[in-house]
């Protein structure tokens, strides 16, 4: 049986099973981010201390844009807009608008073999950079060996808006040097100054990346909706419900830690249009990312 505990002082949700094989910790005031996760007895997402959330965006939900927007400025339907520049050192807008918002609990469902949590943030104020309103729901489903993350976005304003979505989890390996990411891609996103997209480059098709001592901050266009992360202690399979998939991989300054980020767009997508989608007034968009762990 599963248990969900709401710590109102910290505004966190903790999810546990009675066998001690599953554990999750969601920070409601930090964009409903899942900052700790254990599946089948294996810790795969951990607190990143001494790194902090305001520098890592650990497990944050990225909306209405993933990654960066150069100088925070873009044009849409003939109008110019300006996001707040929250990455001062590169003068970019970074990781969207909901990573630091407080989500409310809509529903909790506890079953013998699963726990489901539905969270919601409702934006009712138009900002200068994004003059639209929207609802975003996040549904987490925990089982012994899997996590399902479902994002549901509704445009509640009277006009269409541009968007991409992403998720920014960091995964733990007991030996990152001997870990491998398996993916299907023959296109890489080329990045210039300030990590801004400069174009798409065709590459020799790749099926795997041996991490070894590489310092990664790269993005690939995927030919499939599946990615595998192999570590000495566990294998983790990612699967997306969408067909428009990109993968950002980043190695932070922390031992045996790697960000493996599924997204629907790339850096500066509001300007280069790569992966950019448009959601009409009153329309909805939904995507699910599934994780499944296999112990070695």
Protein backbone atom coordinates (compact mmCIF):
# COMPACT_ATOMS: atom_id res chain seq x y z
CA UNK A 1 0.00 0.00 0.00
CA UNK A 2 1.10 3.56 -0.72
CA UNK A 3 1.05 6.61 1.53
CA UNK A 4 1.07 10.32 0.64
CA UNK A 5 2.11 12.82 3.31
CA UNK A 6 1.65 16.58 2.89
CA UNK A 7 4.16 18.53 4.96
CA UNK A 8 2.41 21.89 5.13
CA UNK A 9 5.35 23.64 6.79
CA UNK A 10 7.67 22.81 3.89
CA UNK A 11 4.81 22.53 1.38
CA UNK A 12 6.07 19.20 0.12
CA UNK A 13 4.43 15.89 -0.74
CA UNK A 14 6.16 12.64 0.17
CA UNK A 15 5.11 9.41 -1.50
CA UNK A 16 6.11 6.04 -0.06
CA UNK A 17 5.13 2.42 -0.39
CA UNK A 18 4.90 0.07 2.57
CA UNK A 19 7.80 -2.05 1.30
CA UNK A 20 10.24 0.85 1.22
CA UNK A 21 10.92 0.36 -2.49
CA UNK A 22 9.33 3.60 -3.72
CA UNK A 23 9.89 7.14 -2.50
CA UNK A 24 9.16 10.51 -4.06
CA UNK A 25 9.34 14.09 -2.82
CA UNK A 26 7.54 16.89 -4.63
CA UNK A 27 8.10 20.57 -3.81
CA UNK A 28 4.78 22.30 -4.44
CA UNK A 29 6.21 25.83 -4.10
CA UNK A 30 9.01 25.07 -6.56
CA UNK A 31 6.87 24.43 -9.60
CA UNK A 32 5.66 20.97 -8.49
CA UNK A 33 9.18 19.66 -9.07
CA UNK A 34 10.01 16.07 -8.16
CA UNK A 35 13.36 16.45 -6.41
CA UNK A 36 13.76 12.95 -4.95
CA UNK A 37 12.80 9.62 -6.50
CA UNK A 38 13.46 5.99 -5.60
CA UNK A 39 12.04 3.20 -7.75
CA UNK A 40 12.36 -0.50 -6.98
CA UNK A 41 14.75 0.33 -4.16
CA UNK A 42 17.15 2.31 -6.37
CA UNK A 43 17.65 6.04 -5.77
CA UNK A 44 17.65 7.66 -9.20
CA UNK A 45 16.91 11.32 -8.33
CA UNK A 46 18.44 12.84 -5.19
CA UNK A 47 18.74 16.21 -3.52
CA UNK A 48 21.58 18.02 -5.30
CA UNK A 49 23.07 19.80 -2.27
CA UNK A 50 25.26 21.79 -2.14
CA UNK A 51 23.86 22.90 -5.51
CA UNK A 52 20.63 24.87 -5.11
CA UNK A 53 17.34 24.83 -6.97
CA UNK A 54 17.70 28.41 -8.21
CA UNK A 55 20.86 27.38 -10.09
CA UNK A 56 19.96 23.82 -11.14
CA UNK A 57 16.19 24.03 -11.79
CA UNK A 58 16.22 20.41 -10.64
CA UNK A 59 13.24 18.47 -12.05
CA UNK A 60 11.45 21.71 -12.90
CA UNK A 61 8.57 21.81 -15.36
CA UNK A 62 9.56 24.04 -18.28
CA UNK A 63 6.68 26.11 -19.70
CA UNK A 64 5.90 28.13 -21.83
CA UNK A 65 9.43 27.55 -23.10
CA UNK A 66 12.20 25.07 -22.44
CA UNK A 67 15.81 26.20 -22.23
CA UNK A 68 16.62 29.80 -23.21
CA UNK A 69 15.33 32.80 -25.13
CA UNK A 70 18.06 35.13 -26.32
CA UNK A 71 17.88 38.46 -24.50
CA UNK A 72 14.38 37.38 -23.41
CA UNK A 73 12.90 38.96 -26.55
CA UNK A 74 10.78 37.51 -29.34
CA UNK A 75 8.07 38.38 -31.86
CA UNK A 76 4.74 36.64 -32.33
CA UNK A 77 1.95 37.57 -34.75
CA UNK A 78 3.63 40.86 -35.56
CA UNK A 79 4.09 41.97 -31.94
CA UNK A 80 7.33 42.23 -29.95
CA UNK A 81 7.52 40.87 -26.40
CA UNK A 82 10.09 40.93 -23.61
CA UNK A 83 10.48 38.24 -20.95
CA UNK A 84 12.31 39.01 -17.74
CA UNK A 85 15.99 38.16 -18.11
CA UNK A 86 16.57 35.77 -15.21
CA UNK A 87 19.92 34.42 -16.39
CA UNK A 88 21.96 37.56 -15.89
CA UNK A 89 25.37 36.17 -16.84
CA UNK A 90 24.16 35.22 -20.34
CA UNK A 91 21.41 37.84 -20.61
CA UNK A 92 18.79 35.23 -21.43
CA UNK A 93 15.33 34.29 -20.22
CA UNK A 94 15.71 30.78 -18.81
CA UNK A 95 13.36 27.81 -18.35
CA UNK A 96 9.95 29.44 -18.60
CA UNK A 97 7.53 30.85 -16.06
CA UNK A 98 6.27 28.05 -13.78
CA UNK A 99 9.45 26.59 -12.23
CA UNK A 100 8.99 28.80 -9.15
CA UNK A 101 5.19 28.85 -8.95
CA UNK A 102 3.13 27.24 -6.21
CA UNK A 103 0.94 24.36 -7.35
CA UNK A 104 -2.22 23.23 -5.58
CA UNK A 105 -3.22 19.63 -4.94
CA UNK A 106 -6.30 18.68 -6.96
CA UNK A 107 -6.44 14.95 -6.37
CA UNK A 108 -4.70 12.09 -4.59
CA UNK A 109 -5.47 8.48 -5.43
CA UNK A 110 -3.94 5.68 -3.38
CA UNK A 111 -4.16 2.08 -4.54
CA UNK A 112 -2.49 -1.14 -3.54
CA UNK A 113 0.00 -0.92 -6.39
CA UNK A 114 0.16 2.80 -7.25
CA UNK A 115 -0.16 6.38 -6.04
CA UNK A 116 -1.45 9.21 -8.23
CA UNK A 117 -1.16 12.93 -7.53
CA UNK A 118 -2.72 15.68 -9.65
CA UNK A 119 -1.42 19.23 -9.16
CA UNK A 120 -2.46 22.50 -10.79
CA UNK A 121 -1.27 26.04 -11.35
CA UNK A 122 -3.69 28.59 -12.80
CA UNK A 123 -2.19 31.74 -14.29
CA UNK A 124 -4.82 34.47 -14.31
CA UNK A 125 -2.55 37.48 -14.83
CA UNK A 126 -1.07 38.47 -18.17
CA UNK A 127 2.61 39.43 -18.08
CA UNK A 128 4.51 41.71 -20.44
CA UNK A 129 6.55 38.85 -21.84
CA UNK A 130 3.66 36.40 -22.10
CA UNK A 131 0.31 38.27 -22.16
CA UNK A 132 -1.85 35.16 -21.86
CA UNK A 133 -3.60 33.14 -19.18
CA UNK A 134 -3.42 29.37 -18.86
CA UNK A 135 -3.97 26.37 -16.62
CA UNK A 136 -1.29 23.71 -16.26
CA UNK A 137 -1.89 20.37 -14.57
CA UNK A 138 0.84 17.95 -13.55
CA UNK A 139 -0.05 14.33 -12.87
CA UNK A 140 2.47 11.98 -11.25
CA UNK A 141 1.75 8.24 -11.13
CA UNK A 142 4.12 6.14 -9.02
CA UNK A 143 4.40 2.36 -9.17
CA UNK A 144 7.07 -0.02 -7.90
CA UNK A 145 9.26 0.34 -10.97
CA UNK A 146 7.85 3.30 -12.91
CA UNK A 147 6.96 6.96 -12.88
CA UNK A 148 4.54 8.61 -15.26
CA UNK A 149 4.62 12.41 -15.63
CA UNK A 150 1.64 13.85 -17.50
CA UNK A 151 1.45 17.55 -18.38
CA UNK A 152 -1.85 19.11 -19.44
CA UNK A 153 -1.97 22.73 -20.61
CA UNK A 154 -5.09 24.75 -21.40
CA UNK A 155 -5.04 28.17 -23.04
CA UNK A 156 -7.62 30.13 -21.02
CA UNK A 157 -7.00 33.45 -22.79
CA UNK A 158 -8.79 34.83 -25.84
CA UNK A 159 -5.86 34.55 -28.26
CA UNK A 160 -3.36 31.93 -29.38
CA UNK A 161 0.08 31.67 -27.80
CA UNK A 162 3.41 30.01 -28.74
CA UNK A 163 4.94 27.36 -26.48
CA UNK A 164 7.32 24.49 -25.92
CA UNK A 165 7.48 22.16 -22.92
CA UNK A 166 10.22 20.36 -21.08
CA UNK A 167 11.25 18.56 -17.92
CA UNK A 168 14.62 19.08 -16.19
CA UNK A 169 15.45 16.01 -14.02
CA UNK A 170 18.95 15.11 -12.82
CA UNK A 171 19.75 11.42 -12.44
CA UNK A 172 22.24 9.71 -10.16
CA UNK A 173 24.64 6.98 -11.24
CA UNK A 174 27.01 5.21 -8.87
CA UNK A 175 29.55 5.43 -11.72
CA UNK A 176 28.72 7.98 -14.39
CA UNK A 177 31.99 7.24 -16.22
CA UNK A 178 30.67 3.76 -17.03
CA UNK A 179 27.12 4.89 -17.85
CA UNK A 180 25.62 5.12 -21.33
CA UNK A 181 22.72 6.98 -22.95
CA UNK A 182 21.07 5.15 -25.84
CA UNK A 183 19.13 7.22 -28.37
CA UNK A 184 18.32 7.35 -32.07
CA UNK A 185 19.44 10.57 -33.72
CA UNK A 186 21.17 11.89 -36.82
CA UNK A 187 20.73 15.59 -36.07
CA UNK A 188 22.32 17.73 -33.37
CA UNK A 189 21.44 21.28 -32.36
CA UNK A 190 24.41 23.58 -32.77
CA UNK A 191 24.84 26.12 -29.99
CA UNK A 192 26.67 29.43 -30.19
CA UNK A 193 27.42 32.12 -27.68
CA UNK A 194 25.26 32.05 -24.54
CA UNK A 195 24.02 28.54 -25.43
CA UNK A 196 21.70 29.90 -28.11
CA UNK A 197 20.77 27.70 -31.08
CA UNK A 198 22.55 28.61 -34.30
CA UNK A 199 21.23 25.78 -36.45
CA UNK A 200 20.74 22.06 -37.04
CA UNK A 201 23.62 19.87 -38.17
CA UNK A 202 23.35 16.46 -39.77
CA UNK A 203 25.61 13.95 -38.05
CA UNK A 204 26.53 10.31 -38.47
CA UNK A 205 23.59 8.40 -36.94
CA UNK A 206 24.22 7.64 -33.30
CA UNK A 207 22.74 4.95 -31.12
CA UNK A 208 24.60 5.53 -27.87
CA UNK A 209 26.74 8.02 -25.96
CA UNK A 210 29.39 6.69 -23.59
CA UNK A 211 29.50 9.39 -20.95
CA UNK A 212 33.00 8.67 -19.59
CA UNK A 213 34.64 12.02 -18.74
CA UNK A 214 32.64 14.09 -21.23
CA UNK A 215 31.35 17.51 -20.18
CA UNK A 216 28.02 17.57 -21.93
CA UNK A 217 25.61 20.40 -22.67
CA UNK A 218 24.09 19.16 -25.92
CA UNK A 219 20.74 18.72 -27.63
CA UNK A 220 19.71 16.13 -30.20
CA UNK A 221 16.63 15.78 -32.39
CA UNK A 222 15.27 12.29 -31.74
CA UNK A 223 14.02 9.90 -34.40
CA UNK A 224 12.01 7.92 -31.87
CA UNK A 225 10.16 8.52 -28.62
CA UNK A 226 12.46 6.29 -26.54
CA UNK A 227 15.74 6.85 -24.70
CA UNK A 228 17.64 4.45 -22.39
CA UNK A 229 19.99 5.40 -19.55
CA UNK A 230 22.24 2.45 -18.64
CA UNK A 231 24.16 2.59 -15.35
CA UNK A 232 26.10 -0.13 -13.50
CA UNK A 233 23.25 -0.47 -10.96
CA UNK A 234 20.09 0.10 -13.00
CA UNK A 235 18.69 0.76 -16.47
CA UNK A 236 16.13 3.50 -16.98
CA UNK A 237 13.85 3.71 -20.02
CA UNK A 238 12.26 7.02 -21.06
CA UNK A 239 9.27 7.14 -23.38
CA UNK A 240 7.33 10.13 -24.72
CA UNK A 241 3.72 10.17 -25.89
CA UNK A 242 4.61 12.81 -28.53
CA UNK A 243 6.38 12.40 -31.85
CA UNK A 244 8.13 15.79 -31.68
CA UNK A 245 11.02 14.97 -29.34
CA UNK A 246 14.33 16.57 -28.41
CA UNK A 247 16.82 15.50 -25.76
CA UNK A 248 19.02 17.90 -23.80
CA UNK A 249 21.88 16.34 -21.81
CA UNK A 250 23.96 18.27 -19.28
CA UNK A 251 26.65 17.25 -16.81
CA UNK A 252 26.63 19.63 -13.82
CA UNK A 253 29.55 20.28 -11.45
CA UNK A 254 28.51 17.41 -9.21
CA UNK A 255 29.98 13.91 -9.13
CA UNK A 256 28.01 11.09 -10.82
CA UNK A 257 25.07 13.34 -11.72
CA UNK A 258 23.57 14.05 -15.15
CA UNK A 259 20.58 15.98 -16.44
CA UNK A 260 18.64 14.08 -19.10
CA UNK A 261 15.90 16.43 -20.24
CA UNK A 262 13.06 15.56 -22.61
CA UNK A 263 11.73 18.65 -24.40
CA UNK A 264 9.47 19.58 -27.30
CA UNK A 265 11.71 22.43 -28.46
CA UNK A 266 15.22 23.89 -28.28
CA UNK A 267 16.93 26.99 -26.99
CA UNK A 268 15.56 30.23 -28.48
CA UNK A 269 12.63 28.30 -29.99
CA UNK A 270 10.40 31.39 -29.82
CA UNK A 271 12.70 32.95 -32.43
CA UNK A 272 14.07 30.04 -34.49
CA UNK A 273 10.71 28.15 -34.39
CA UNK A 274 12.41 24.74 -33.93
CA UNK A 275 9.80 22.62 -32.15
CA UNK A 276 7.60 25.67 -31.51
CA UNK A 277 3.87 24.99 -31.32
CA UNK A 278 0.87 27.31 -31.11
CA UNK A 279 -2.05 26.70 -28.76
CA UNK A 280 -5.28 28.40 -29.77
CA UNK A 281 -7.66 30.02 -27.30
CA UNK A 282 -9.50 27.41 -25.19
CA UNK A 283 -7.50 24.57 -26.73
CA UNK A 284 -5.44 22.06 -24.76
CA UNK A 285 -2.15 20.23 -25.17
CA UNK A 286 -1.09 17.07 -23.37
CA UNK A 287 2.11 15.07 -23.16
CA UNK A 288 3.27 12.16 -21.00
CA UNK A 289 6.81 11.13 -20.17
CA UNK A 290 7.13 7.63 -18.73
CA UNK A 291 10.12 6.29 -16.82
CA UNK A 292 10.62 2.59 -16.11
CA UNK A 293 13.51 1.18 -14.11
CA UNK A 294 15.12 -2.22 -14.42
CA UNK A 295 17.64 -3.32 -11.80
CA UNK A 296 20.84 -4.85 -13.12
